[in-house]
C-alpha cells in the first residue's frame, strides 16, 4: 500500500519577518550575530522600534515548515504538525501554509495565546541572525501530532529546534519512536550551531539508541555535535548517529553519505545576499528527490542548486515557479 504523504514534518510555527541590517546595528543592540536567540515579545517590540523601513514581506516559517513547504511546491504530498494561536498572525500562518498545499493539524483547531514570531536580520555578508519569540509554539507537544497521518507517511522530518523545550523534545522522541516501530523513515535537522552546542544531550535523547535514517546539518553544526575539528572527521563520527547524512558546506557545496559512499557536491558560484532558509530548502528539495526515485548524488546536486538560487534573493523560500524551473533544469521533470 502506498503512503498518503511523502513527508510528515514536525516543528515550530513562526511567522518570519526579515530585515536588512548592518553588523553595527546588531552590535549596538546586543544581538549576537549568526545565531538564533530566544527572546521575549517585549524585546522584539523594542528592536522593531529601532528599525527603519527595511522590512521584507512576512511568511509562515519555522525551519521544518520551510522544508515541508519546499517539498510541497515540488509536488510531494506533505503534512505539518505545529501549534499556532487563534490570533491574526495565526490566521496568516494557517492560510499561507494551506496556499502552499501542505496539510496540517491546524484543520482541527487552534489555541488561545500568541503565535510565535521570528525576526531575521540579514547583514551585507548574507549571514542571517534570528531573534525568536516562540509564543504558543513553545508549548508544542505530542498532542499536536496526528499518529494516523504520521503512520501514513514515508518519511518523518524532525526540526532540531524542538530540543529547546521539554514538551517539544518529548514530541520529537514520540514521533521518532512511533516511526521506527512502524517501519517509517526518520530524518532530523540540527537546525542551528548554537542550539547544537547548548543542547547536545537533548539531541542524543531525540536521536535515541538506534541510528536514524537521515541527518541534515551544516559544517559548524557537524563539528559542534561531534566535537571534531574538520568536516572530514565529523563525517566519520556522524556514521555512528545516522545511516545516511548530508553536511552542507555553504559556497563549497555539500558532503553526502548515502550509506555506502562519500559524495562531494559542488555548489554554483553565485552572489549571495541572504542565507536565511538555505539549509531548509536544501533538506526539502533533497527529501523530494529521494522520495521520487533519485539517488543521493542526484538529490544533493538538486538540493545545492535550489539553495544556491535561494541565497541570491531575500526571504527563506523560493517562489513555486522558480523552484519548479530548477526541478525541470536539474531533474528534467
Protein backbone atom coordinates (compact mmCIF):
# COMPACT_ATOMS: atom_id res chain seq x y z
CA UNK A 1 0.00 0.00 0.00
CA UNK A 2 1.41 3.38 -0.95
CA UNK A 3 1.76 6.14 1.60
CA UNK A 4 -0.63 9.10 1.75
CA UNK A 5 2.25 11.51 2.38
CA UNK A 6 5.87 11.61 1.28
CA UNK A 7 6.95 13.76 4.25
CA UNK A 8 5.43 14.42 7.68
CA UNK A 9 7.17 17.42 9.22
CA UNK A 10 7.20 18.33 12.91
CA UNK A 11 8.45 21.67 14.18
CA UNK A 12 7.89 25.23 15.24
CA UNK A 13 5.36 27.55 13.65
CA UNK A 14 6.76 31.06 13.44
CA UNK A 15 5.85 33.98 11.25
CA UNK A 16 9.15 35.23 9.80
CA UNK A 17 9.84 38.95 9.47
CA UNK A 18 13.06 39.76 7.66
CA UNK A 19 15.19 42.91 7.93
CA UNK A 20 18.34 44.13 6.23
CA UNK A 21 20.72 45.49 8.85
CA UNK A 22 24.42 46.30 9.33
CA UNK A 23 26.72 44.41 11.72
CA UNK A 24 26.91 47.69 13.66
CA UNK A 25 23.14 47.59 14.25
CA UNK A 26 23.49 44.12 15.73
CA UNK A 27 26.44 45.12 17.90
CA UNK A 28 24.81 48.35 19.12
CA UNK A 29 21.65 46.48 20.10
CA UNK A 30 23.33 43.49 21.73
CA UNK A 31 22.19 40.97 19.09
CA UNK A 32 24.58 38.02 18.74
CA UNK A 33 25.44 37.71 15.04
CA UNK A 34 24.89 34.46 13.15
CA UNK A 35 22.89 32.65 15.81
CA UNK A 36 19.27 32.04 16.74
CA UNK A 37 18.47 33.61 20.12
CA UNK A 38 15.22 33.11 22.02
CA UNK A 39 13.76 36.42 23.25
CA UNK A 40 10.61 37.72 24.91
CA UNK A 41 7.95 39.54 22.91
CA UNK A 42 8.91 42.86 24.55
CA UNK A 43 12.43 42.52 23.15
CA UNK A 44 11.04 42.09 19.63
CA UNK A 45 8.89 45.21 20.06
CA UNK A 46 11.98 47.12 21.27
CA UNK A 47 14.01 46.03 18.23
CA UNK A 48 11.12 46.79 15.84
CA UNK A 49 11.04 50.35 17.14
CA UNK A 50 14.74 50.76 16.30
CA UNK A 51 14.35 49.53 12.73
CA UNK A 52 13.54 51.78 9.78
CA UNK A 53 11.75 50.93 6.56
CA UNK A 54 13.86 47.90 5.68
CA UNK A 55 11.22 45.25 6.35
CA UNK A 56 10.72 42.47 3.80
CA UNK A 57 7.48 40.52 3.48
CA UNK A 58 6.42 38.16 6.25
CA UNK A 59 5.98 34.46 5.62
CA UNK A 60 4.88 31.44 7.58
CA UNK A 61 8.09 29.86 8.75
CA UNK A 62 9.88 27.78 11.25
CA UNK A 63 12.73 25.68 9.92
CA UNK A 64 10.78 22.47 9.28
CA UNK A 65 7.84 24.43 7.85
CA UNK A 66 10.14 25.92 5.19
CA UNK A 67 11.39 22.42 4.38
CA UNK A 68 7.92 20.88 4.14
CA UNK A 69 6.65 23.77 2.01
CA UNK A 70 9.53 23.21 -0.42
CA UNK A 71 8.62 19.52 -0.76
CA UNK A 72 5.01 20.51 -1.44
CA UNK A 73 5.95 23.18 -4.01
CA UNK A 74 7.92 20.49 -5.85
CA UNK A 75 4.92 18.17 -5.96
CA UNK A 76 5.26 15.97 -2.87
CA UNK A 77 2.32 15.25 -0.58
CA UNK A 78 3.25 16.76 2.75
CA UNK A 79 1.85 17.19 6.26
CA UNK A 80 2.98 19.58 9.01
CA UNK A 81 2.33 19.33 12.75
CA UNK A 82 2.72 22.63 14.58
CA UNK A 83 0.96 24.98 17.00
CA UNK A 84 -0.37 28.49 16.34
CA UNK A 85 -2.84 30.67 18.20
CA UNK A 86 -6.25 31.88 17.08
CA UNK A 87 -4.92 35.41 16.52
CA UNK A 88 -4.33 37.43 13.33
CA UNK A 89 -0.78 36.11 13.00
CA UNK A 90 -2.09 32.55 13.40
CA UNK A 91 -4.74 33.19 10.72
CA UNK A 92 -1.98 34.38 8.40
CA UNK A 93 0.17 31.34 9.17
CA UNK A 94 -2.60 28.84 8.51
CA UNK A 95 -3.69 30.45 5.24
CA UNK A 96 -0.10 30.70 4.00
CA UNK A 97 0.53 27.01 4.81
CA UNK A 98 -2.69 25.96 3.06
CA UNK A 99 -1.90 28.08 0.00
CA UNK A 100 1.30 26.04 -0.45
CA UNK A 101 -0.66 22.77 -0.46
CA UNK A 102 0.51 21.50 2.92
CA UNK A 103 -1.95 19.55 5.06
CA UNK A 104 -1.73 20.16 8.81
CA UNK A 105 -3.15 19.51 12.24
CA UNK A 106 -4.38 23.14 12.21
CA UNK A 107 -7.51 21.95 10.42
CA UNK A 108 -8.54 20.60 13.82
CA UNK A 109 -8.41 23.96 15.57
CA UNK A 110 -6.08 26.44 17.22
CA UNK A 111 -5.48 27.79 20.70
CA UNK A 112 -5.71 30.86 22.89
CA UNK A 113 -2.41 32.70 23.08
CA UNK A 114 0.09 34.44 20.81
CA UNK A 115 1.53 32.98 17.63
CA UNK A 116 5.33 32.90 17.56
CA UNK A 117 7.37 35.35 15.51
CA UNK A 118 10.94 35.28 14.25
CA UNK A 119 12.90 38.42 13.42
CA UNK A 120 15.53 37.57 10.83
CA UNK A 121 18.38 40.07 10.47
CA UNK A 122 20.35 39.84 7.24
CA UNK A 123 23.76 41.54 7.04
CA UNK A 124 25.62 42.52 3.83
CA UNK A 125 27.76 39.35 4.10
CA UNK A 126 24.49 37.36 3.55
CA UNK A 127 24.65 35.99 7.10
CA UNK A 128 21.38 35.50 8.95
CA UNK A 129 20.78 36.21 12.63
CA UNK A 130 17.49 35.37 14.33
CA UNK A 131 15.72 36.66 17.42
CA UNK A 132 12.76 34.41 18.07
CA UNK A 133 9.75 34.80 20.33
CA UNK A 134 8.26 31.32 20.42
CA UNK A 135 4.85 32.29 21.74
CA UNK A 136 2.43 29.38 21.72
CA UNK A 137 4.79 27.14 19.75
CA UNK A 138 6.84 26.85 22.97
CA UNK A 139 4.05 24.57 24.25
CA UNK A 140 4.05 22.34 21.16
CA UNK A 141 3.60 18.77 22.35
CA UNK A 142 2.78 15.29 21.13
CA UNK A 143 -0.90 16.32 21.37
CA UNK A 144 -0.34 18.16 18.07
CA UNK A 145 0.96 15.01 16.35
CA UNK A 146 -1.69 13.03 14.50
CA UNK A 147 -0.39 9.49 14.76
CA UNK A 148 -2.56 8.10 11.96
CA UNK A 149 -1.26 10.69 9.49
CA UNK A 150 2.33 10.13 10.60
CA UNK A 151 1.90 6.39 10.01
CA UNK A 152 0.56 7.17 6.53
CA UNK A 153 3.84 8.91 5.65
CA UNK A 154 7.05 7.64 4.08
CA UNK A 155 9.35 10.00 6.00
CA UNK A 156 9.09 11.80 9.33
CA UNK A 157 11.15 15.01 9.43
CA UNK A 158 12.12 16.44 12.84
CA UNK A 159 13.20 20.03 13.44
CA UNK A 160 16.19 20.38 15.76
CA UNK A 161 14.80 23.49 17.45
CA UNK A 162 12.28 21.25 19.26
CA UNK A 163 15.13 20.27 21.58
CA UNK A 164 14.86 23.64 23.37
CA UNK A 165 11.59 22.79 25.18
CA UNK A 166 10.64 19.76 27.24
CA UNK A 167 7.27 19.17 25.54
CA UNK A 168 8.73 19.75 22.06
CA UNK A 169 11.59 17.35 22.75
CA UNK A 170 9.14 14.75 24.05
CA UNK A 171 7.04 15.18 20.90
CA UNK A 172 10.09 14.61 18.69
CA UNK A 173 11.01 11.48 20.66
CA UNK A 174 7.41 10.20 20.41
CA UNK A 175 7.38 10.76 16.64
CA UNK A 176 10.76 9.08 16.17
CA UNK A 177 9.78 6.05 18.27
CA UNK A 178 6.40 5.69 16.55
CA UNK A 179 8.02 5.93 13.12
CA UNK A 180 10.78 3.44 13.91
CA UNK A 181 8.34 0.94 15.42
CA UNK A 182 6.29 1.02 12.22
CA UNK A 183 8.96 0.94 9.54
CA UNK A 184 8.81 4.65 8.70
CA UNK A 185 11.99 6.56 7.89
CA UNK A 186 13.22 9.31 10.20
CA UNK A 187 15.16 12.45 9.22
CA UNK A 188 16.43 15.14 11.59
CA UNK A 189 17.96 18.56 11.03
CA UNK A 190 20.29 20.01 13.66
CA UNK A 191 18.89 23.49 12.79
CA UNK A 192 21.42 25.83 14.42
CA UNK A 193 25.06 25.68 15.66
CA UNK A 194 24.30 27.41 18.95
CA UNK A 195 21.42 25.05 19.67
CA UNK A 196 23.58 22.00 18.95
CA UNK A 197 26.29 23.21 21.32
CA UNK A 198 23.92 24.03 24.16
CA UNK A 199 21.51 21.08 23.86
CA UNK A 200 23.81 18.22 22.85
CA UNK A 201 22.41 15.86 25.49
CA UNK A 202 18.88 16.68 24.35
CA UNK A 203 19.80 15.82 20.79
CA UNK A 204 21.15 12.49 21.99
CA UNK A 205 17.72 11.81 23.54
CA UNK A 206 15.91 12.73 20.32
CA UNK A 207 18.26 10.57 18.26
CA UNK A 208 17.84 7.59 20.60
CA UNK A 209 19.88 4.38 20.71
CA UNK A 210 19.22 3.32 17.13
CA UNK A 211 20.63 5.21 14.18
CA UNK A 212 18.15 7.44 12.39
CA UNK A 213 17.84 7.22 8.60
CA UNK A 214 18.98 10.68 7.52
CA UNK A 215 20.61 13.66 9.20
CA UNK A 216 20.90 17.18 7.79
CA UNK A 217 23.43 19.63 9.23
CA UNK A 218 25.84 22.34 8.19
CA UNK A 219 29.58 22.15 8.80
CA UNK A 220 29.51 24.17 12.03
CA UNK A 221 26.70 22.04 13.48
CA UNK A 222 28.50 18.83 12.48
CA UNK A 223 31.70 19.96 14.22
CA UNK A 224 29.80 21.10 17.30
CA UNK A 225 27.89 17.84 17.73
CA UNK A 226 30.82 15.52 17.08
CA UNK A 227 33.48 17.59 18.84
CA UNK A 228 35.75 17.30 15.80
CA UNK A 229 37.96 19.85 14.07
CA UNK A 230 37.27 19.19 10.39
CA UNK A 231 34.33 18.24 8.17
CA UNK A 232 36.15 15.01 7.25
CA UNK A 233 36.43 14.00 10.92
CA UNK A 234 32.80 14.94 11.54
CA UNK A 235 31.82 12.85 8.50
CA UNK A 236 33.32 9.73 10.08
CA UNK A 237 31.78 10.46 13.50
CA UNK A 238 28.27 11.01 12.10
CA UNK A 239 28.24 7.45 10.73
CA UNK A 240 27.61 6.38 14.34
CA UNK A 241 24.49 8.58 14.51
CA UNK A 242 22.71 8.15 11.19
CA UNK A 243 22.61 5.64 8.35
CA UNK A 244 22.92 8.50 5.84
CA UNK A 245 23.54 12.23 6.09
CA UNK A 246 24.23 15.48 4.27
CA UNK A 247 26.65 18.11 5.58
CA UNK A 248 26.14 21.43 3.81
CA UNK A 249 29.32 23.47 3.28
CA UNK A 250 27.92 26.83 2.15
CA UNK A 251 29.54 28.04 -1.08
CA UNK A 252 31.67 24.85 -1.14
CA UNK A 253 28.56 22.71 -1.71
CA UNK A 254 27.83 19.62 0.37
CA UNK A 255 29.30 16.35 1.59
CA UNK A 256 26.79 13.50 1.35
CA UNK A 257 26.94 9.94 2.70
CA UNK A 258 24.45 7.54 1.10
CA UNK A 259 25.19 4.65 3.46
CA UNK A 260 27.99 3.32 1.26
CA UNK A 261 29.83 6.11 -0.50
CA UNK A 262 31.10 9.62 0.17
CA UNK A 263 29.71 12.04 -2.40
CA UNK A 264 31.07 15.57 -2.89
CA UNK A 265 28.55 18.01 -4.33
CA UNK A 266 29.78 21.32 -5.71
CA UNK A 267 27.71 24.48 -5.46
CA UNK A 268 27.03 27.07 -8.13
CA UNK A 269 29.13 30.20 -7.87
CA UNK A 270 26.56 32.86 -7.00
CA UNK A 271 26.40 36.29 -5.40
CA UNK A 272 24.78 35.55 -2.04
CA UNK A 273 22.66 38.22 -0.35
CA UNK A 274 20.74 36.19 2.27
CA UNK A 275 21.48 32.71 3.66
CA UNK A 276 18.19 32.51 5.61
CA UNK A 277 16.38 29.27 4.77
CA UNK A 278 19.22 27.79 2.68
CA UNK A 279 19.50 24.70 4.88
CA UNK A 280 15.72 24.33 4.96
CA UNK A 281 15.30 24.34 1.19
CA UNK A 282 18.30 22.03 0.83
CA UNK A 283 16.54 19.49 3.07
CA UNK A 284 13.18 19.96 1.33
CA UNK A 285 14.49 19.51 -2.19
CA UNK A 286 16.69 16.60 -1.08
CA UNK A 287 13.69 14.84 0.51
CA UNK A 288 11.61 15.45 -2.60
CA UNK A 289 14.28 13.85 -4.78
CA UNK A 290 14.84 10.72 -2.67
CA UNK A 291 11.08 10.13 -2.38
CA UNK A 292 10.73 10.37 -6.16
CA UNK A 293 13.26 7.81 -7.32
CA UNK A 294 16.50 9.80 -7.36
CA UNK A 295 19.74 8.68 -5.71
CA UNK A 296 21.63 10.65 -3.06
CA UNK A 297 24.08 12.14 -5.57
CA UNK A 298 21.24 13.44 -7.73
CA UNK A 299 19.36 14.65 -4.64
CA UNK A 300 22.43 16.50 -3.36
CA UNK A 301 23.05 18.16 -6.74
CA UNK A 302 19.41 19.25 -6.96
CA UNK A 303 19.36 20.48 -3.34
CA UNK A 304 22.55 22.53 -3.82
CA UNK A 305 21.05 24.18 -6.91
CA UNK A 306 17.87 25.10 -5.01
CA UNK A 307 19.87 26.51 -2.08
CA UNK A 308 22.18 28.42 -4.45
CA UNK A 309 19.18 30.09 -6.04
CA UNK A 310 17.63 30.94 -2.67
CA UNK A 311 20.68 32.77 -1.30
CA UNK A 312 20.62 35.19 -4.26
CA UNK A 313 17.38 36.73 -3.01
CA UNK A 314 15.81 37.89 0.24
CA UNK A 315 13.46 35.57 2.09
CA UNK A 316 13.50 31.98 3.28
CA UNK A 317 11.53 30.48 0.38
CA UNK A 318 11.56 30.39 -3.40
CA UNK A 319 8.52 31.20 -5.46
CA UNK A 320 6.89 27.99 -6.72
CA UNK A 321 7.66 28.97 -10.35
CA UNK A 322 11.37 29.37 -9.51
CA UNK A 323 11.73 26.05 -7.70
CA UNK A 324 9.85 24.24 -10.46
CA UNK A 325 12.18 25.79 -13.04
CA UNK A 326 15.19 24.34 -11.17
CA UNK A 327 13.39 20.99 -10.96
CA UNK A 328 12.94 20.98 -14.73
CA UNK A 329 16.53 22.05 -15.37
CA UNK A 330 18.22 19.61 -12.95
CA UNK A 331 15.83 16.66 -12.74
CA UNK A 332 14.24 17.01 -16.16
CA UNK A 333 10.71 16.91 -14.75
